[in-house]
Amino acid sequence: MTFVLSCVTDRAVLQVSDRRLVEISGQGVHRIIDDESNKAILVCGRVAFAYTGIANLEQTRTDRWFAQVVAAAGFSGDFRAICDHVQATATAAFEKLCVDAGLRRHAFQGVGWFRPRGETSLRPGVLTSSNALSEDGRWLSSAAPTFTTRVLVPSDLPEGFLLESVGVDPSAVERRAIWRLVRRCARTRAGAGAFLRAMIVAVRWLGRRYAVIGPSLMAICLPKSAAEETERSGSFTAMASSPTDSRCTFLNIPPAGPRPISFGPHAVCGGSVIMDVEIHDLT
């Protein structure tokens, strides 16, 4: 289990995920396996994905498995085609799992920039592929045999933003508290950095309430201008830095204080994958 919080605005899309892996038994008892496991994948400088659920698929870490599956699908700019490929491949992989349906629930969530058919400009949206989510995005009691994808690409954002999440299922009160926190940024037309800080505070707050949410986080910011530049150039650069309104950036937020090594998400571009990014501070 984990928590993935995704936010859509008209200028940038953002995602924060924790890095904790836990083992959950049929009785709901959990055991912490690791607090620094990557769950984030950047695809073509346009979409940031993270997952919640099963940590290993086909004898491979799920984050690596997902990156390889997306790379194998190639890239034509059609993320619906990529999702169709992920759905089919995930369905086949989960058929091989000898795990109770109640423990086989899984979801991949991507937030990014898409071009609906017939439109000339990119629009922000959220893709969620899962075998156990209801129409309103809540967990079902057990996994279905197949994966399906829920697509949200709103034509407008009346509140100035849209929030989606997978993983831990917060209460209605908790959801409302997170929504109010992020709404403050939208009301003041704050930049991407303010939105990301609010999301980090929200995930940290939930982590104090739910033991399956870890203290180490991965935060990704994809501004619209960066996605447009990626389309023009055919390549993208992701920088380990505080978010800006013009660059694709990521931050590995440690539990407390600076550290000599920080981590990055996997990156997929075309048929190539960069995995297990580490950034060493040599100063």
Protein backbone atom coordinates (compact mmCIF):
# COMPACT_ATOMS: atom_id res chain seq x y z
CA MET A 1 0.00 0.00 0.00
CA THR A 2 1.03 3.60 -0.45
CA PHE A 3 -0.54 6.96 -1.22
CA VAL A 4 -0.34 8.75 -4.56
CA LEU A 5 -1.72 12.29 -4.75
CA SER A 6 -2.12 13.85 -8.20
CA CYS A 7 -3.06 17.45 -8.97
CA VAL A 8 -4.09 19.11 -12.24
CA THR A 9 -3.93 22.86 -12.88
CA ASP A 10 -4.01 24.84 -16.11
CA ARG A 11 -0.26 25.60 -15.88
CA ALA A 12 1.27 22.47 -14.34
CA VAL A 13 0.44 18.94 -13.23
CA LEU A 14 1.95 17.50 -10.08
CA GLN A 15 2.25 14.18 -8.28
CA VAL A 16 3.50 13.15 -4.84
CA SER A 17 3.98 9.50 -3.83
CA ASP A 18 5.54 7.91 -0.78
CA ARG A 19 8.30 5.29 -1.06
CA ARG A 20 7.29 2.76 1.62
CA LEU A 21 6.77 -0.92 0.83
CA VAL A 22 4.76 -3.02 3.25
CA GLU A 23 3.70 -6.64 3.39
CA ILE A 24 0.02 -7.06 4.25
CA SER A 25 -1.45 -10.34 5.43
CA GLY A 26 -5.01 -11.55 5.00
CA GLN A 27 -5.75 -10.33 8.54
CA GLY A 28 -4.72 -6.78 7.62
CA VAL A 29 -1.46 -6.97 9.57
CA HIS A 30 1.37 -5.16 7.82
CA ARG A 31 5.16 -5.30 8.03
CA ILE A 32 7.43 -2.56 6.69
CA ILE A 33 9.78 -3.95 4.03
CA ASP A 34 11.53 -0.81 2.78
CA ASP A 35 11.15 2.98 3.05
CA GLU A 36 13.11 3.87 -0.10
CA SER A 37 11.43 1.95 -2.92
CA ASN A 38 10.74 3.87 -6.09
CA LYS A 39 7.15 3.96 -7.35
CA ALA A 40 7.43 6.87 -9.80
CA ILE A 41 7.94 6.76 -13.59
CA LEU A 42 8.23 9.75 -15.94
CA VAL A 43 6.98 9.02 -19.46
CA CYS A 44 8.17 11.12 -22.40
CA GLY A 45 8.22 14.31 -20.35
CA ARG A 46 4.43 14.37 -20.54
CA VAL A 47 3.07 12.09 -17.81
CA ALA A 48 4.16 11.14 -14.29
CA PHE A 49 2.98 7.71 -13.13
CA ALA A 50 3.08 6.01 -9.74
CA TYR A 51 1.54 2.81 -8.44
CA THR A 52 -0.02 1.28 -5.37
CA GLY A 53 -0.55 -2.41 -4.65
CA ILE A 54 1.60 -5.40 -5.62
CA ALA A 55 5.33 -4.64 -5.32
CA ASN A 56 6.66 -7.37 -7.66
CA LEU A 57 5.33 -8.62 -10.99
CA GLU A 58 6.79 -11.44 -13.04
CA GLN A 59 9.86 -11.59 -10.79
CA THR A 60 10.54 -7.88 -11.31
CA ARG A 61 9.96 -4.85 -9.12
CA THR A 62 6.66 -3.32 -10.21
CA ASP A 63 8.17 0.11 -10.94
CA ARG A 64 10.75 -1.49 -13.25
CA TRP A 65 8.11 -3.76 -14.78
CA PHE A 66 5.87 -0.80 -15.57
CA ALA A 67 8.71 1.22 -17.12
CA GLN A 68 9.67 -1.72 -19.34
CA VAL A 69 6.05 -2.31 -20.39
CA VAL A 70 5.59 1.35 -21.35
CA ALA A 71 8.89 1.37 -23.27
CA ALA A 72 7.85 -1.77 -25.14
CA ALA A 73 4.63 -0.04 -26.21
CA GLY A 74 6.64 2.63 -28.00
CA PHE A 75 5.44 6.22 -28.15
CA SER A 76 3.25 7.84 -30.78
CA GLY A 77 1.82 10.58 -28.57
CA ASP A 78 -1.28 8.44 -27.96
CA PHE A 79 -1.38 7.74 -24.23
CA ARG A 80 -4.66 5.91 -24.59
CA ALA A 81 -2.79 3.32 -26.67
CA ILE A 82 -0.14 3.06 -23.97
CA CYS A 83 -2.86 2.53 -21.35
CA ASP A 84 -4.48 -0.17 -23.49
CA HIS A 85 -1.11 -1.94 -23.66
CA VAL A 86 -0.60 -1.59 -19.89
CA GLN A 87 -4.13 -2.90 -19.22
CA ALA A 88 -3.63 -6.01 -21.34
CA THR A 89 -0.12 -6.72 -20.02
CA ALA A 90 -1.10 -6.14 -16.38
CA THR A 91 -4.18 -8.36 -16.74
CA ALA A 92 -1.99 -11.19 -18.08
CA ALA A 93 0.61 -10.69 -15.34
CA PHE A 94 -1.96 -10.68 -12.53
CA GLU A 95 -3.53 -13.90 -13.83
CA LYS A 96 -0.28 -15.62 -12.78
CA LEU A 97 -0.37 -14.35 -9.18
CA CYS A 98 -1.24 -16.90 -6.53
CA VAL A 99 -2.65 -14.23 -4.21
CA ASP A 100 -6.10 -13.84 -2.70
CA ALA A 101 -8.29 -11.39 -4.67
CA GLY A 102 -8.57 -9.14 -1.61
CA LEU A 103 -4.78 -8.68 -1.61
CA ARG A 104 -4.40 -8.41 -5.39
CA ARG A 105 -5.90 -4.93 -5.68
CA HIS A 106 -3.66 -2.62 -7.68
CA ALA A 107 -3.63 0.73 -9.48
CA PHE A 108 -1.35 2.79 -11.69
CA GLN A 109 -2.09 6.52 -11.78
CA GLY A 110 -0.66 9.00 -14.26
CA VAL A 111 -1.04 12.77 -14.32
CA GLY A 112 0.05 14.70 -17.37
CA TRP A 113 -0.65 16.54 -20.59
CA PHE A 114 -2.82 15.07 -23.34
CA ARG A 115 -4.19 16.16 -26.69
CA PRO A 116 -7.78 14.99 -27.23
CA ARG A 117 -8.68 14.19 -30.81
CA GLY A 118 -9.52 17.25 -32.84
CA GLU A 119 -7.81 19.68 -30.46
CA THR A 120 -4.64 21.62 -31.11
CA SER A 121 -3.46 22.35 -27.57
CA LEU A 122 -2.48 20.10 -24.69
CA ARG A 123 -4.90 19.64 -21.82
CA PRO A 124 -4.11 18.37 -18.30
CA GLY A 125 -5.63 15.13 -17.09
CA VAL A 126 -5.39 11.99 -14.97
CA LEU A 127 -5.27 8.34 -16.10
CA THR A 128 -5.91 5.56 -13.58
CA SER A 129 -5.55 1.90 -14.61
CA SER A 130 -6.74 -0.53 -11.96
CA ASN A 131 -8.30 -3.91 -11.28
CA ALA A 132 -10.16 -2.83 -8.13
CA LEU A 133 -11.49 0.74 -8.25
CA SER A 134 -15.13 1.81 -8.44
CA GLU A 135 -16.45 4.49 -10.81
CA ASP A 136 -15.84 7.16 -8.15
CA GLY A 137 -12.27 5.99 -7.53
CA ARG A 138 -12.81 4.09 -4.27
CA TRP A 139 -11.39 0.63 -3.54
CA LEU A 140 -13.56 -2.42 -4.14
CA SER A 141 -13.35 -5.29 -1.65
CA SER A 142 -11.52 -7.56 -4.10
CA ALA A 143 -9.71 -7.40 -7.43
CA ALA A 144 -11.44 -8.03 -10.75
CA PRO A 145 -9.87 -10.37 -13.36
CA THR A 146 -9.06 -7.48 -15.71
CA PHE A 147 -7.66 -3.96 -15.56
CA THR A 148 -9.64 -0.98 -16.81
CA THR A 149 -8.65 2.68 -17.25
CA ARG A 150 -10.49 5.73 -15.99
CA VAL A 151 -9.62 8.91 -17.92
CA LEU A 152 -10.24 12.44 -16.65
CA VAL A 153 -9.30 15.25 -19.05
CA PRO A 154 -11.55 18.13 -17.97
CA SER A 155 -12.43 20.84 -20.46
CA ASP A 156 -12.22 23.42 -17.67
CA LEU A 157 -11.27 23.67 -14.00
CA PRO A 158 -13.95 25.71 -12.19
CA GLU A 159 -12.03 25.56 -8.89
CA GLY A 160 -8.69 26.10 -10.60
CA PHE A 161 -7.47 22.57 -9.91
CA LEU A 162 -8.43 18.89 -9.75
CA LEU A 163 -7.23 16.37 -7.16
CA GLU A 164 -7.12 12.59 -7.60
CA SER A 165 -5.50 9.89 -5.47
CA VAL A 166 -4.99 6.15 -5.16
CA GLY A 167 -3.67 3.95 -2.38
CA VAL A 168 -4.78 4.63 1.16
CA ASP A 169 -8.46 5.61 1.08
CA PRO A 170 -8.78 8.72 3.29
CA SER A 171 -11.99 9.52 5.11
CA ALA A 172 -14.35 12.20 3.79
CA VAL A 173 -13.06 14.59 6.45
CA GLU A 174 -9.44 13.93 5.48
CA ARG A 175 -10.17 14.36 1.79
CA ARG A 176 -11.89 17.65 2.46
CA ALA A 177 -8.96 18.89 4.55
CA ILE A 178 -6.51 18.13 1.74
CA TRP A 179 -8.79 19.78 -0.82
CA ARG A 180 -9.04 22.96 1.28
CA LEU A 181 -5.26 23.09 1.66
CA VAL A 182 -4.68 22.92 -2.09
CA ARG A 183 -7.56 25.29 -2.83
CA ARG A 184 -5.69 28.07 -1.03
CA CYS A 185 -3.01 27.85 -3.74
CA ALA A 186 -5.62 27.96 -6.52
CA ARG A 187 -7.39 30.97 -5.02
CA THR A 188 -4.19 33.04 -5.04
CA ARG A 189 -3.08 31.76 -8.48
CA ALA A 190 0.09 30.50 -6.80
CA GLY A 191 2.90 28.93 -8.78
CA ALA A 192 3.70 25.24 -9.08
CA GLY A 193 6.00 25.35 -6.06
CA ALA A 194 3.18 26.36 -3.72
CA PHE A 195 0.93 23.59 -5.02
CA LEU A 196 3.67 21.00 -4.57
CA ARG A 197 4.46 22.18 -1.04
CA ALA A 198 0.79 21.89 -0.11
CA MET A 199 0.64 18.36 -1.52
CA ILE A 200 3.78 17.33 0.38
CA VAL A 201 2.28 18.70 3.62
CA ALA A 202 -0.92 16.75 2.90
CA VAL A 203 0.84 13.43 2.29
CA ARG A 204 3.05 13.89 5.37
CA TRP A 205 -0.08 14.64 7.42
CA LEU A 206 -1.78 11.45 6.19
CA GLY A 207 1.42 9.53 6.92
CA ARG A 208 1.03 10.36 10.59
CA ARG A 209 -2.45 8.82 10.47
CA TYR A 210 -1.75 5.73 8.34
CA ALA A 211 1.27 3.53 9.06
CA VAL A 212 1.37 2.20 5.48
CA ILE A 213 2.35 5.67 4.18
CA GLY A 214 6.10 6.20 4.46
CA PRO A 215 8.04 9.35 5.40
CA SER A 216 10.21 9.50 2.24
CA LEU A 217 8.44 11.09 -0.74
CA MET A 218 8.89 11.60 -4.48
CA ALA A 219 7.42 14.84 -5.86
CA ILE A 220 7.17 15.57 -9.60
CA CYS A 221 6.15 18.75 -11.41
CA LEU A 222 5.35 18.87 -15.16
CA PRO A 223 4.54 22.40 -16.39
CA LYS A 224 2.57 22.81 -19.61
CA SER A 225 5.38 24.80 -21.23
CA ALA A 226 7.83 21.94 -20.57
CA ALA A 227 5.44 19.41 -22.13
CA GLU A 228 5.02 21.65 -25.18
CA GLU A 229 8.79 21.95 -25.55
CA THR A 230 9.12 18.16 -25.33
CA GLU A 231 6.64 17.82 -28.17
CA ARG A 232 8.60 20.27 -30.30
CA SER A 233 12.04 18.82 -29.62
CA GLY A 234 11.25 15.12 -29.20
CA SER A 235 13.34 14.92 -26.02
CA PHE A 236 13.02 16.00 -22.42
CA THR A 237 15.13 16.81 -19.40
CA ALA A 238 14.02 16.25 -15.82
CA MET A 239 15.92 18.23 -13.22
CA ALA A 240 16.37 17.48 -9.53
CA SER A 241 15.38 20.87 -8.20
CA SER A 242 12.60 22.90 -6.66
CA PRO A 243 9.65 23.19 -9.06
CA THR A 244 9.40 26.01 -11.57
CA ASP A 245 6.66 27.00 -13.98
CA SER A 246 8.79 26.12 -17.03
CA ARG A 247 10.87 22.98 -16.31
CA CYS A 248 10.13 19.32 -15.60
CA THR A 249 11.44 18.78 -12.07
CA PHE A 250 11.47 16.16 -9.33
CA LEU A 251 12.36 16.13 -5.65
CA ASN A 252 13.10 13.24 -3.33
CA ILE A 253 12.02 14.50 0.09
CA PRO A 254 13.79 12.55 2.88
CA PRO A 255 12.19 11.91 6.30
CA ALA A 256 14.33 14.59 7.97
CA GLY A 257 17.16 16.88 6.90
CA PRO A 258 19.51 16.73 3.88
CA ARG A 259 21.42 13.59 2.91
CA PRO A 260 24.33 12.82 0.58
CA ILE A 261 22.26 10.71 -1.84
CA SER A 262 18.81 11.48 -3.23
CA PHE A 263 16.79 9.45 -5.70
CA GLY A 264 14.85 10.12 -8.88
CA PRO A 265 12.01 8.49 -10.80
CA HIS A 266 12.54 6.10 -13.68
CA ALA A 267 12.35 7.86 -17.06
CA VAL A 268 10.91 6.39 -20.26
CA CYS A 269 11.33 8.04 -23.65
CA GLY A 270 10.44 6.10 -26.78
CA GLY A 271 11.85 2.60 -26.33
CA SER A 272 14.53 3.65 -23.84
CA VAL A 273 14.43 3.50 -20.04
CA ILE A 274 16.63 5.17 -17.42
CA MET A 275 16.25 3.36 -14.10
CA ASP A 276 17.26 3.71 -10.45
CA VAL A 277 18.44 7.32 -10.64
CA GLU A 278 20.74 8.36 -7.79
CA ILE A 279 22.09 11.86 -7.24
CA HIS A 280 25.20 12.11 -5.07
CA ASP A 281 26.19 15.29 -3.29
CA LEU A 282 29.98 15.48 -3.63
CA THR A 283 30.44 18.81 -1.87
